[in-house]
Amino acid sequence: MGITEILGLLGGLALFLYGMQMMSNGLEDAAGNKMKKILEKLTSNRFLGVLVGAGITAVIQSSSATTVMVVGFVNSAMITLRQAVWIIMGANIGTTITGQLIALDIGLIAPLIAFLGVASIVFLKNEKIHHYGKIAAGLGILFIGMGMMSDAMVPLRESQMFIDLMTKFSNPLLGIAAGAIFTAVIQSSSASVGILQALAVAGLIDFRAAVFVLFGQNIGTCITALLAAIGTNRAAKRTTVIHLSFNLIGTAIFTTVCLLMPSVTDIVASFTPDNMSAQIANMHTIFNVTTTLLLLPFGAYLAKFAEKILPDRKAELSGIGAINEEFRRGNIRLGEAAIHTDVLKQEIDNIISLTNENLNKAYTAVINKNAKSLDTIADREEKIDVLNKEISQYISKILVHISDKKNVADIEQYLLITGNAERIGDHAINIANYVKSIEKYNIEFSDGARDEIAKMQEISNLALNKAVTPQEDRALWIKEVEELEQEIDNMTDGYRAQHLARMHEGKCNEEACILYSELLTDFERIGDHILNIAQANVKIYNINRKLHR
């Protein structure tokens, strides 16, 4: 095999993988958000769950992407572990579609398909057409790469060393290990099955040996879900145990059958005797459909097994964020775009909760002249700052990977929300720190001033809760938040006037005057940031409503 063939093989592999990614991105952009909603709602029974998993995976062309979404949904308690079992089974069926497409052998018209796809992206302005153009271009490029790989591999039929290597795969354990390792490396069973089909078409591996590699590929595809589960909660980790168990059981069953009854491979081969690519695709489909049918009655037991492997811990440390470790790493993998907004929503709810708690504690500390809570408030403020930074970094990473307008627009508004929440946290820590001056200068607030601070606390708490709890009637809801913000402004003006009156009466010393004036400024700014949060939430609603019309 010369340098020309090596370059041809590498170039073909590059085009194949790029085409698959492009097709998957196009499919996800066109349907990813709808698929997410289907996953959330249509998993009430095992049969429906299997159909949903198979359908979504067939559409987005990646069982890894579907499983990653399922991990995210289980982690955020959108679906239960038992619902996840059926979706995972279906996902394993849906992933066989890519192999069947490759087996169609449309290599002759692949350049035309790629051209039509690229032309629609370059010359047409409609965004939806761009999504479908990506799908067509990716499919065409995939087949061009497939053809290049097959052509480059032909000379390997003359290489005794390569022939010996392929022959070793007839050993079941070696074949399974090779398939699992290669698929784990490239993180796509669809891609690795396609490469196996290219090897078969080039005559470098016979069908009997290929089936064991194929079984291993089903195990290797679990690596993406395993990586996605890092840092998630216990239930989400159990989802990956179910995924791995499904493929291990299927591999054990089919390996045993193929060894005890070699005629099984002959029967499958007889369906398409002149098409090795189709033989591999058919075996892949049979493997996953049969394993699903066999395990369908035992789905609940798979869930129980996962719970045995990963029992509940007495104290589940949640860290700062709900899915903190994976969130902090900001790992972005193909197929996860559909759950990014859910991830952000979780973390933003967390930062809002921390901010609201600090705000209440800060007002209470001032009213009661209590410095004991300052350390706790400061620790919580540090968490708010860290979480704000992590959210901003996470957003900067995912915006590069997401092209869907709705998700991008939502994420931009989430960035505004977290920034305003962090600023409210800053004002809360300012208010809390006034306790130090109160103690230092032995400041005594009048009963009137303490009542005013208590009212500040009450309306700040009411306004912030209102801003982050959207109502069905969005116009009425934002009007109510605006009225609360205006009330904060009016209270600030009124309290300043009353404060000046107390100063004229000599009821306030110099330090108390300065401190109370600064506290009123913080109070007024808090109202502004609360309104900003509510307005961002309304924009998210309006974006969703416009795009779903």
Protein backbone atom coordinates (compact mmCIF):
# COMPACT_ATOMS: atom_id res chain seq x y z
CA MET A 1 0.00 0.00 0.00
CA GLY A 2 1.65 3.21 -1.19
CA ILE A 3 1.43 6.80 -0.02
CA THR A 4 -1.33 7.54 -2.56
CA GLU A 5 -3.57 4.84 -1.11
CA ILE A 6 -2.83 5.96 2.48
CA LEU A 7 -3.74 9.55 1.65
CA GLY A 8 -6.84 8.32 -0.17
CA LEU A 9 -7.86 6.28 2.88
CA LEU A 10 -7.32 9.19 5.27
CA GLY A 11 -9.12 11.61 2.97
CA GLY A 12 -12.02 9.21 2.54
CA LEU A 13 -12.26 8.70 6.29
CA ALA A 14 -12.21 12.47 6.85
CA LEU A 15 -15.01 13.02 4.31
CA PHE A 16 -17.02 10.12 5.73
CA LEU A 17 -16.85 11.41 9.31
CA TYR A 18 -17.43 15.02 8.27
CA GLY A 19 -20.38 14.03 6.11
CA MET A 20 -21.90 12.08 9.00
CA GLN A 21 -21.44 15.00 11.38
CA MET A 22 -22.86 17.47 8.85
CA MET A 23 -25.89 15.26 8.21
CA SER A 24 -26.45 14.77 11.94
CA ASN A 25 -26.17 18.52 12.63
CA GLY A 26 -28.61 19.29 9.84
CA LEU A 27 -31.10 16.75 11.12
CA GLU A 28 -30.77 18.02 14.66
CA ASP A 29 -31.15 21.67 13.60
CA ALA A 30 -34.27 20.76 11.64
CA ALA A 31 -35.88 18.60 14.29
CA GLY A 32 -33.77 18.50 17.47
CA ASN A 33 -35.99 20.73 19.59
CA LYS A 34 -39.16 18.92 18.51
CA MET A 35 -37.46 15.63 19.28
CA LYS A 36 -36.66 16.87 22.78
CA LYS A 37 -40.32 17.68 23.42
CA ILE A 38 -41.38 14.25 22.15
CA LEU A 39 -38.88 12.62 24.50
CA GLU A 40 -40.30 14.51 27.44
CA LYS A 41 -43.96 13.72 26.74
CA LEU A 42 -44.35 10.43 24.89
CA THR A 43 -42.70 7.90 27.17
CA SER A 44 -45.73 6.75 29.16
CA ASN A 45 -45.45 3.06 28.21
CA ARG A 46 -42.72 0.70 27.06
CA PHE A 47 -43.89 0.30 23.46
CA LEU A 48 -44.34 4.01 22.93
CA GLY A 49 -40.97 4.64 24.58
CA VAL A 50 -39.23 2.21 22.20
CA LEU A 51 -40.92 3.83 19.20
CA VAL A 52 -39.95 7.31 20.40
CA GLY A 53 -36.33 6.28 20.94
CA ALA A 54 -36.12 4.58 17.55
CA GLY A 55 -37.83 7.45 15.73
CA ILE A 56 -35.70 10.18 17.25
CA THR A 57 -32.48 8.28 16.66
CA ALA A 58 -33.48 7.55 13.06
CA VAL A 59 -34.06 11.28 12.56
CA ILE A 60 -30.92 12.64 14.22
CA GLN A 61 -28.80 9.67 13.09
CA SER A 62 -27.09 9.13 16.41
CA SER A 63 -27.98 6.77 19.25
CA SER A 64 -25.26 8.51 21.27
CA ALA A 65 -27.07 11.84 20.88
CA THR A 66 -30.40 10.32 21.96
CA THR A 67 -28.79 8.60 24.94
CA VAL A 68 -27.03 11.82 25.97
CA MET A 69 -30.40 13.60 25.88
CA VAL A 70 -31.92 10.83 27.98
CA VAL A 71 -29.09 11.14 30.53
CA GLY A 72 -29.80 14.88 30.74
CA PHE A 73 -33.55 14.36 31.17
CA VAL A 74 -33.12 11.72 33.88
CA ASN A 75 -30.61 13.99 35.62
CA SER A 76 -33.10 16.87 35.66
CA ALA A 77 -36.00 14.54 36.68
CA MET A 78 -37.94 15.17 33.46
CA ILE A 79 -38.31 11.43 32.93
CA THR A 80 -37.88 8.43 35.23
CA LEU A 81 -35.22 5.74 35.00
CA ARG A 82 -37.81 3.21 33.84
CA GLN A 83 -38.97 5.52 31.05
CA ALA A 84 -35.32 5.85 29.99
CA VAL A 85 -35.03 2.06 29.56
CA TRP A 86 -37.52 2.00 26.68
CA ILE A 87 -36.01 5.01 24.92
CA ILE A 88 -32.52 3.47 25.07
CA MET A 89 -33.83 0.23 23.57
CA GLY A 90 -35.45 2.20 20.76
CA ALA A 91 -32.31 4.25 20.21
CA ASN A 92 -30.35 1.07 19.52
CA ILE A 93 -32.85 0.16 16.80
CA GLY A 94 -32.87 3.66 15.29
CA THR A 95 -29.10 3.77 14.93
CA THR A 96 -29.21 0.93 12.38
CA ILE A 97 -30.75 3.28 9.81
CA THR A 98 -27.35 4.74 8.86
CA GLY A 99 -25.99 1.32 7.98
CA GLN A 100 -29.06 0.62 5.84
CA LEU A 101 -28.59 3.94 4.02
CA ILE A 102 -24.96 3.10 3.33
CA ALA A 103 -25.99 -0.34 2.07
CA LEU A 104 -28.20 1.31 -0.58
CA ASP A 105 -24.96 1.99 -2.49
CA ILE A 106 -25.89 5.29 -4.11
CA GLY A 107 -22.24 6.19 -4.65
CA LEU A 108 -22.80 7.02 -8.34
CA ILE A 109 -25.18 9.89 -7.56
CA ALA A 110 -23.45 10.91 -4.31
CA PRO A 111 -21.67 13.90 -5.95
CA LEU A 112 -25.05 15.14 -7.25
CA ILE A 113 -26.64 14.83 -3.80
CA ALA A 114 -23.70 16.70 -2.24
CA PHE A 115 -23.90 19.41 -4.94
CA LEU A 116 -27.63 19.96 -4.44
CA GLY A 117 -27.14 20.20 -0.69
CA VAL A 118 -24.26 22.68 -0.90
CA ALA A 119 -26.06 24.73 -3.58
CA SER A 120 -29.13 25.09 -1.35
CA ILE A 121 -26.93 26.33 1.50
CA VAL A 122 -24.93 28.78 -0.64
CA PHE A 123 -27.61 30.18 -2.96
CA LEU A 124 -30.80 30.08 -0.90
CA LYS A 125 -31.49 32.29 2.13
CA ASN A 126 -34.22 30.30 3.89
CA GLU A 127 -32.86 28.87 7.15
CA LYS A 128 -35.07 25.76 7.09
CA ILE A 129 -33.84 24.95 3.58
CA HIS A 130 -30.28 25.33 4.94
CA HIS A 131 -31.01 22.57 7.46
CA TYR A 132 -32.21 20.22 4.72
CA GLY A 133 -29.27 21.30 2.56
CA LYS A 134 -26.93 20.23 5.35
CA ILE A 135 -28.62 16.84 5.46
CA ALA A 136 -28.27 16.32 1.71
CA ALA A 137 -24.71 17.66 1.56
CA GLY A 138 -23.69 15.51 4.53
CA LEU A 139 -25.23 12.40 2.97
CA GLY A 140 -23.49 13.02 -0.35
CA ILE A 141 -20.12 13.73 1.28
CA LEU A 142 -20.54 10.60 3.42
CA PHE A 143 -20.94 8.41 0.32
CA ILE A 144 -18.05 10.11 -1.50
CA GLY A 145 -15.83 9.40 1.53
CA MET A 146 -17.14 5.84 1.64
CA GLY A 147 -16.17 5.34 -2.00
CA MET A 148 -12.70 6.81 -1.44
CA MET A 149 -12.09 4.52 1.52
CA SER A 150 -13.22 1.43 -0.39
CA ASP A 151 -11.00 2.29 -3.39
CA ALA A 152 -7.99 3.01 -1.16
CA MET A 153 -8.43 -0.30 0.68
CA VAL A 154 -8.43 -2.47 -2.45
CA PRO A 155 -4.59 -2.79 -2.57
CA LEU A 156 -4.66 -4.10 1.02
CA ARG A 157 -6.06 -7.35 -0.36
CA GLU A 158 -2.52 -8.05 -1.54
CA SER A 159 -0.99 -7.33 1.89
CA GLN A 160 -0.41 -10.55 3.80
CA MET A 161 0.05 -8.66 7.08
CA PHE A 162 -3.34 -6.95 6.75
CA ILE A 163 -5.00 -10.20 5.67
CA ASP A 164 -3.57 -11.92 8.76
CA LEU A 165 -4.88 -9.09 10.94
CA MET A 166 -8.39 -9.31 9.50
CA THR A 167 -8.35 -13.09 9.84
CA LYS A 168 -7.72 -12.74 13.57
CA PHE A 169 -11.08 -10.99 13.91
CA SER A 170 -12.74 -14.34 13.29
CA ASN A 171 -11.78 -14.98 16.92
CA PRO A 172 -14.94 -13.70 18.66
CA LEU A 173 -13.17 -12.05 21.58
CA LEU A 174 -10.65 -10.24 19.38
CA GLY A 175 -13.36 -9.12 16.98
CA ILE A 176 -15.60 -7.84 19.77
CA ALA A 177 -12.67 -6.04 21.45
CA ALA A 178 -11.57 -4.43 18.17
CA GLY A 179 -15.10 -3.21 17.41
CA ALA A 180 -15.65 -1.86 20.93
CA ILE A 181 -12.30 -0.04 21.11
CA PHE A 182 -12.56 1.54 17.66
CA THR A 183 -16.14 2.72 18.25
CA ALA A 184 -15.20 4.09 21.69
CA VAL A 185 -12.39 6.11 20.07
CA ILE A 186 -14.51 7.72 17.34
CA GLN A 187 -17.64 7.83 19.58
CA SER A 188 -20.07 6.78 16.86
CA SER A 189 -21.36 3.28 16.15
CA SER A 190 -22.90 4.54 12.90
CA ALA A 191 -19.49 5.72 11.69
CA SER A 192 -17.65 2.59 12.80
CA VAL A 193 -20.28 0.34 11.17
CA GLY A 194 -19.86 2.36 7.98
CA ILE A 195 -16.10 1.82 8.08
CA LEU A 196 -16.67 -1.91 8.66
CA GLN A 197 -18.92 -1.92 5.60
CA ALA A 198 -16.13 -0.25 3.59
CA LEU A 199 -13.68 -2.95 4.68
CA ALA A 200 -16.17 -5.62 3.66
CA VAL A 201 -16.86 -4.03 0.27
CA ALA A 202 -13.10 -3.93 -0.38
CA GLY A 203 -12.99 -7.67 0.37
CA LEU A 204 -10.74 -7.25 3.41
CA ILE A 205 -12.98 -8.98 5.94
CA ASP A 206 -15.48 -11.78 5.48
CA PHE A 207 -18.99 -11.65 6.90
CA ARG A 208 -18.40 -14.28 9.61
CA ALA A 209 -15.54 -12.24 11.09
CA ALA A 210 -17.38 -8.93 10.58
CA VAL A 211 -20.33 -9.93 12.76
CA PHE A 212 -18.14 -10.16 15.88
CA VAL A 213 -16.62 -6.75 15.18
CA LEU A 214 -20.18 -5.49 14.71
CA PHE A 215 -21.26 -6.83 18.10
CA GLY A 216 -18.30 -5.06 19.72
CA GLN A 217 -19.27 -1.81 18.02
CA ASN A 218 -22.59 -1.89 19.84
CA ILE A 219 -20.68 -1.99 23.13
CA GLY A 220 -18.25 0.76 22.13
CA THR A 221 -21.07 3.20 21.36
CA CYS A 222 -21.86 3.37 25.11
CA ILE A 223 -18.71 5.45 25.75
CA THR A 224 -20.41 8.74 24.77
CA ALA A 225 -23.22 8.21 27.27
CA LEU A 226 -20.70 7.17 29.93
CA LEU A 227 -18.79 10.42 29.38
CA ALA A 228 -22.04 12.42 29.45
CA ALA A 229 -22.89 10.91 32.84
CA ILE A 230 -19.72 12.23 34.52
CA GLY A 231 -20.77 14.63 37.27
CA THR A 232 -24.50 13.89 36.93
CA ASN A 233 -26.73 12.53 39.67
CA ARG A 234 -27.16 8.87 40.59
CA ALA A 235 -30.23 8.31 38.41
CA ALA A 236 -28.50 9.64 35.30
CA LYS A 237 -25.48 7.39 35.89
CA ARG A 238 -27.87 4.42 36.12
CA THR A 239 -29.12 5.29 32.64
CA THR A 240 -25.66 4.59 31.23
CA VAL A 241 -25.52 1.29 33.15
CA ILE A 242 -28.77 0.27 31.42
CA HIS A 243 -27.38 1.28 28.01
CA LEU A 244 -24.19 -0.74 28.57
CA SER A 245 -26.10 -3.72 30.01
CA PHE A 246 -28.40 -3.84 26.99
CA ASN A 247 -25.50 -4.09 24.55
CA LEU A 248 -23.47 -6.50 26.67
CA ILE A 249 -26.45 -8.85 26.98
CA GLY A 250 -27.17 -8.60 23.26
CA THR A 251 -23.52 -9.28 22.40
CA ALA A 252 -23.41 -12.30 24.72
CA ILE A 253 -26.59 -13.75 23.21
CA PHE A 254 -25.61 -13.23 19.56
CA THR A 255 -22.02 -14.35 20.02
CA THR A 256 -23.24 -17.58 21.62
CA VAL A 257 -25.81 -18.16 18.87
CA CYS A 258 -23.31 -17.46 16.06
CA LEU A 259 -20.77 -19.83 17.60
CA LEU A 260 -23.23 -22.65 18.28
CA MET A 261 -25.20 -22.14 15.07
CA PRO A 262 -22.83 -20.81 12.34
CA SER A 263 -25.65 -21.20 9.84
CA VAL A 264 -27.25 -18.04 11.29
CA THR A 265 -24.70 -15.86 9.50
CA ASP A 266 -25.32 -17.80 6.28
CA ILE A 267 -29.06 -17.18 6.58
CA VAL A 268 -28.54 -13.44 7.06
CA ALA A 269 -26.05 -13.36 4.17
CA SER A 270 -28.55 -15.14 1.92
CA PHE A 271 -30.91 -12.14 2.10
CA THR A 272 -28.44 -10.07 0.02
CA PRO A 273 -25.83 -12.54 -1.25
CA ASP A 274 -24.09 -10.07 -3.55
CA ASN A 275 -23.99 -7.10 -1.18
CA MET A 276 -21.65 -7.41 1.82
CA SER A 277 -22.52 -3.89 2.97
CA ALA A 278 -26.20 -4.83 3.16
CA GLN A 279 -25.37 -8.07 5.00
CA ILE A 280 -23.63 -6.09 7.76
CA ALA A 281 -26.47 -3.55 7.88
CA ASN A 282 -29.04 -6.35 8.14
CA MET A 283 -27.15 -8.11 10.94
CA HIS A 284 -26.88 -4.78 12.78
CA THR A 285 -30.65 -4.29 12.52
CA ILE A 286 -31.40 -7.90 13.52
CA PHE A 287 -29.05 -7.62 16.52
CA ASN A 288 -30.77 -4.54 17.94
CA VAL A 289 -34.37 -5.44 17.10
CA THR A 290 -34.00 -8.98 18.50
CA THR A 291 -32.22 -7.79 21.66
CA THR A 292 -34.96 -5.22 22.23
CA LEU A 293 -37.72 -7.82 21.80
CA LEU A 294 -35.94 -10.22 24.16
CA LEU A 295 -35.31 -7.60 26.86
CA LEU A 296 -38.56 -5.64 26.51
CA PRO A 297 -40.36 -7.72 29.21
CA PHE A 298 -37.38 -7.28 31.52
CA GLY A 299 -36.94 -3.49 31.29
CA ALA A 300 -37.95 -2.96 34.91
CA TYR A 301 -35.37 -5.55 35.96
CA LEU A 302 -32.68 -3.68 33.99
CA ALA A 303 -33.60 -0.57 35.96
CA LYS A 304 -33.44 -2.52 39.24
CA PHE A 305 -30.07 -3.96 38.22
CA ALA A 306 -28.74 -0.44 37.59
CA GLU A 307 -30.02 0.60 41.02
CA LYS A 308 -28.18 -2.37 42.57
CA ILE A 309 -24.96 -1.45 40.78
CA LEU A 310 -25.33 2.22 41.78
CA PRO A 311 -27.35 2.35 45.04
CA ASP A 312 -28.47 5.63 46.55
CA ARG A 313 -25.86 7.36 48.65
CA LYS A 314 -26.76 8.63 52.11
CA ALA A 315 -25.56 12.08 51.27
CA GLU A 316 -25.60 13.08 47.61
CA LEU A 317 -23.28 16.06 47.40
CA SER A 318 -24.67 18.48 44.86
CA GLY A 319 -21.87 21.03 44.86
CA ILE A 320 -22.77 24.45 43.53
CA GLY A 321 -24.77 23.41 40.46
CA ALA A 322 -27.33 20.71 39.96
CA ILE A 323 -25.09 18.94 37.48
CA ASN A 324 -21.97 20.77 38.53
CA GLU A 325 -19.05 18.64 37.38
CA GLU A 326 -20.14 18.19 33.78
CA PHE A 327 -21.39 21.78 33.77
CA ARG A 328 -18.03 23.14 34.96
CA ARG A 329 -16.13 21.16 32.39
CA GLY A 330 -18.34 22.65 29.68
CA ASN A 331 -17.99 19.45 27.63
CA ILE A 332 -19.82 19.92 24.34
CA ARG A 333 -20.45 16.82 22.30
CA LEU A 334 -22.34 16.16 19.10
CA GLY A 335 -26.04 15.69 19.73
CA GLU A 336 -26.31 17.63 23.00
CA ALA A 337 -27.66 20.91 21.57
CA ALA A 338 -31.22 19.94 22.44
CA ILE A 339 -30.52 19.84 26.21
CA HIS A 340 -28.26 22.90 26.60
CA THR A 341 -31.16 25.23 27.43
CA ASP A 342 -32.44 22.77 30.05
CA VAL A 343 -28.97 22.60 31.60
CA LEU A 344 -28.75 26.40 31.73
CA LYS A 345 -32.26 26.74 33.13
CA GLN A 346 -31.32 24.41 35.99
CA GLU A 347 -28.17 26.35 36.84
CA ILE A 348 -29.88 29.75 36.51
CA ASP A 349 -32.67 28.61 38.83
CA ASN A 350 -29.87 27.70 41.24
CA ILE A 351 -28.17 31.11 41.05
CA ILE A 352 -31.55 32.89 41.46
CA SER A 353 -32.30 30.76 44.54
CA LEU A 354 -28.90 31.60 46.09
CA THR A 355 -29.35 35.29 45.29
CA ASN A 356 -32.84 35.45 46.77
CA GLU A 357 -31.69 33.72 49.94
CA ASN A 358 -28.77 36.12 50.34
CA LEU A 359 -31.02 39.12 49.77
CA ASN A 360 -33.42 38.04 52.52
CA LYS A 361 -30.59 37.20 54.93
CA ALA A 362 -28.91 40.56 54.24
CA TYR A 363 -32.03 42.60 55.06
CA THR A 364 -32.65 40.51 58.19
CA ALA A 365 -29.05 41.02 59.33
CA VAL A 366 -29.42 44.81 59.08
CA ILE A 367 -32.82 44.90 60.79
CA ASN A 368 -31.58 42.74 63.68
CA LYS A 369 -28.04 44.20 63.79
CA ASN A 370 -26.79 40.61 63.57
CA ALA A 371 -23.24 40.06 62.22
CA LYS A 372 -23.27 36.30 62.90
CA SER A 373 -24.73 35.50 59.47
CA LEU A 374 -22.16 37.56 57.51
CA ASP A 375 -19.78 34.66 56.90
CA THR A 376 -22.58 32.48 55.56
CA ILE A 377 -23.77 35.31 53.30
CA ALA A 378 -20.21 35.87 52.06
CA ASP A 379 -19.79 32.15 51.29
CA ARG A 380 -23.06 32.15 49.38
CA GLU A 381 -21.99 35.27 47.46
CA GLU A 382 -18.78 33.50 46.46
CA LYS A 383 -20.84 30.60 45.11
CA ILE A 384 -22.98 33.07 43.14
CA ASP A 385 -19.87 34.66 41.59
CA VAL A 386 -18.35 31.27 40.72
CA LEU A 387 -21.60 30.02 39.24
CA ASN A 388 -22.05 33.22 37.21
CA LYS A 389 -18.56 32.81 35.78
CA GLU A 390 -19.16 29.14 34.97
CA ILE A 391 -22.49 29.89 33.27
CA SER A 392 -20.85 32.62 31.16
CA GLN A 393 -17.99 30.31 30.15
CA TYR A 394 -20.42 27.50 29.37
CA ILE A 395 -22.53 29.80 27.20
CA SER A 396 -19.47 31.05 25.30
CA LYS A 397 -18.62 27.42 24.45
CA ILE A 398 -22.07 26.20 23.45
CA LEU A 399 -22.92 29.22 21.28
CA VAL A 400 -20.14 28.11 18.92
CA HIS A 401 -21.79 24.69 18.54
CA ILE A 402 -25.45 25.71 18.22
CA SER A 403 -26.94 27.10 15.01
CA ASP A 404 -30.64 26.80 15.88
CA LYS A 405 -32.02 30.35 16.22
CA LYS A 406 -34.42 29.55 19.03
CA ASN A 407 -31.78 27.95 21.22
CA VAL A 408 -29.27 30.75 20.50
CA ALA A 409 -31.82 33.46 21.32
CA ASP A 410 -32.86 31.68 24.53
CA ILE A 411 -29.26 31.24 25.64
CA GLU A 412 -28.47 34.94 25.03
CA GLN A 413 -31.37 35.90 27.31
CA TYR A 414 -30.21 33.41 29.94
CA LEU A 415 -26.85 35.20 29.92
CA LEU A 416 -28.64 38.48 30.69
CA ILE A 417 -30.62 36.84 33.49
CA THR A 418 -27.58 35.37 35.20
CA GLY A 419 -25.70 38.69 34.91
CA ASN A 420 -28.55 40.57 36.57
CA ALA A 421 -28.89 37.89 39.26
CA GLU A 422 -25.19 38.26 40.04
CA ARG A 423 -25.58 42.05 40.32
CA ILE A 424 -28.49 41.60 42.76
CA GLY A 425 -26.14 39.33 44.74
CA ASP A 426 -23.56 42.15 44.82
CA HIS A 427 -26.15 44.56 46.24
CA ALA A 428 -27.19 41.93 48.80
CA ILE A 429 -23.60 41.62 50.05
CA ASN A 430 -23.40 45.45 50.21
CA ILE A 431 -26.49 45.51 52.42
CA ALA A 432 -25.15 42.72 54.63
CA ASN A 433 -21.82 44.49 55.10
CA TYR A 434 -23.60 47.56 56.47
CA VAL A 435 -23.92 45.54 59.68
CA LYS A 436 -20.16 46.05 60.22
CA SER A 437 -20.63 49.83 60.21
CA ILE A 438 -23.73 49.52 62.39
CA GLU A 439 -21.69 47.68 65.01
CA LYS A 440 -18.58 49.86 64.60
CA TYR A 441 -20.40 53.17 65.04
CA ASN A 442 -23.13 51.76 67.32
CA ILE A 443 -25.81 52.96 64.92
CA GLU A 444 -29.40 52.72 66.15
CA PHE A 445 -32.17 52.88 63.54
CA SER A 446 -35.45 54.42 64.54
CA ASP A 447 -38.56 52.26 64.58
CA GLY A 448 -39.66 54.00 61.39
CA ALA A 449 -36.37 53.19 59.59
CA ARG A 450 -36.54 49.53 60.68
CA ASP A 451 -40.11 49.31 59.38
CA GLU A 452 -38.98 50.78 56.07
CA ILE A 453 -36.13 48.24 55.74
CA ALA A 454 -38.58 45.42 56.51
CA LYS A 455 -40.86 46.70 53.73
CA MET A 456 -37.85 46.84 51.38
CA GLN A 457 -37.18 43.20 52.16
CA GLU A 458 -40.81 42.24 51.58
CA ILE A 459 -41.17 43.92 48.20
CA SER A 460 -37.70 42.85 46.99
CA ASN A 461 -38.58 39.25 47.75
CA LEU A 462 -42.02 39.58 46.13
CA ALA A 463 -40.63 41.24 42.98
CA LEU A 464 -37.79 38.75 42.47
CA ASN A 465 -40.10 35.75 42.91
CA LYS A 466 -42.56 37.34 40.49
CA ALA A 467 -39.82 38.00 37.91
CA VAL A 468 -38.71 34.37 37.77
CA THR A 469 -42.21 32.82 37.87
CA PRO A 470 -43.81 33.56 34.49
CA GLN A 471 -47.61 33.48 34.24
CA GLU A 472 -49.73 32.31 31.32
CA ASP A 473 -50.82 35.88 30.59
CA ARG A 474 -47.38 37.32 29.84
CA ALA A 475 -48.64 40.89 29.25
CA LEU A 476 -50.33 40.99 32.66
CA TRP A 477 -47.33 39.34 34.30
CA ILE A 478 -44.72 41.82 32.99
CA LYS A 479 -47.10 44.67 33.86
CA GLU A 480 -47.22 43.43 37.46
CA VAL A 481 -43.39 43.24 37.61
CA GLU A 482 -43.13 46.76 36.15
CA GLU A 483 -45.59 48.01 38.77
CA LEU A 484 -43.53 46.41 41.54
CA GLU A 485 -40.34 48.00 40.15
CA GLN A 486 -42.12 51.36 39.99
CA GLU A 487 -43.30 50.84 43.57
CA ILE A 488 -39.66 50.25 44.57
CA ASP A 489 -38.72 53.56 42.90
CA ASN A 490 -41.61 55.33 44.65
CA MET A 491 -40.68 53.77 48.00
CA THR A 492 -37.07 54.89 47.50
CA ASP A 493 -38.18 58.48 46.87
CA GLY A 494 -40.61 58.40 49.78
CA TYR A 495 -38.09 56.87 52.18
CA ARG A 496 -35.49 59.45 51.18
CA ALA A 497 -37.94 62.21 51.98
CA GLN A 498 -38.76 60.65 55.35
CA HIS A 499 -35.04 60.15 55.96
CA LEU A 500 -34.38 63.86 55.34
CA ALA A 501 -37.21 64.72 57.72
CA ARG A 502 -35.61 62.57 60.43
CA MET A 503 -32.27 64.30 59.76
CA HIS A 504 -33.89 67.74 60.22
CA GLU A 505 -35.36 66.53 63.48
CA GLY A 506 -31.90 65.38 64.59
CA LYS A 507 -32.95 61.73 64.87
CA CYS A 508 -30.05 60.44 62.72
CA ASN A 509 -26.33 60.81 63.29
CA GLU A 510 -23.89 61.32 60.41
CA GLU A 511 -22.93 57.67 60.00
CA ALA A 512 -26.55 56.51 60.05
CA CYS A 513 -27.46 59.08 57.39
CA ILE A 514 -24.74 57.92 55.00
CA LEU A 515 -25.45 54.23 55.58
CA TYR A 516 -29.21 54.54 55.09
CA SER A 517 -28.74 56.59 51.93
CA GLU A 518 -26.45 53.89 50.47
CA LEU A 519 -28.94 51.18 51.46
CA LEU A 520 -31.69 53.01 49.56
CA THR A 521 -29.46 53.15 46.47
CA ASP A 522 -28.90 49.39 46.67
CA PHE A 523 -32.66 48.87 47.08
CA GLU A 524 -33.42 50.93 43.98
CA ARG A 525 -30.77 49.14 41.86
CA ILE A 526 -32.14 45.75 42.94
CA GLY A 527 -35.51 46.75 41.48
CA ASP A 528 -33.87 47.65 38.16
CA HIS A 529 -32.12 44.27 37.90
CA ILE A 530 -35.30 42.40 38.84
CA LEU A 531 -37.14 44.12 36.00
CA ASN A 532 -34.31 43.20 33.60
CA ILE A 533 -34.69 39.53 34.58
CA ALA A 534 -38.46 39.63 33.97
CA GLN A 535 -38.01 41.31 30.58
CA ALA A 536 -35.48 38.64 29.53
CA ASN A 537 -37.96 35.91 30.54
CA VAL A 538 -40.65 37.58 28.43
CA LYS A 539 -38.29 37.69 25.42
CA ILE A 540 -37.64 33.94 25.82
CA TYR A 541 -41.40 33.37 25.80
CA ASN A 542 -41.93 35.60 22.75
CA ILE A 543 -39.12 33.86 20.84
CA ASN A 544 -40.65 30.45 21.57
CA ARG A 545 -44.15 31.57 20.63
CA LYS A 546 -42.97 33.14 17.35
CA LEU A 547 -40.97 30.08 16.29
CA HIS A 548 -43.74 27.63 17.21
CA ARG A 549 -46.48 29.37 15.25
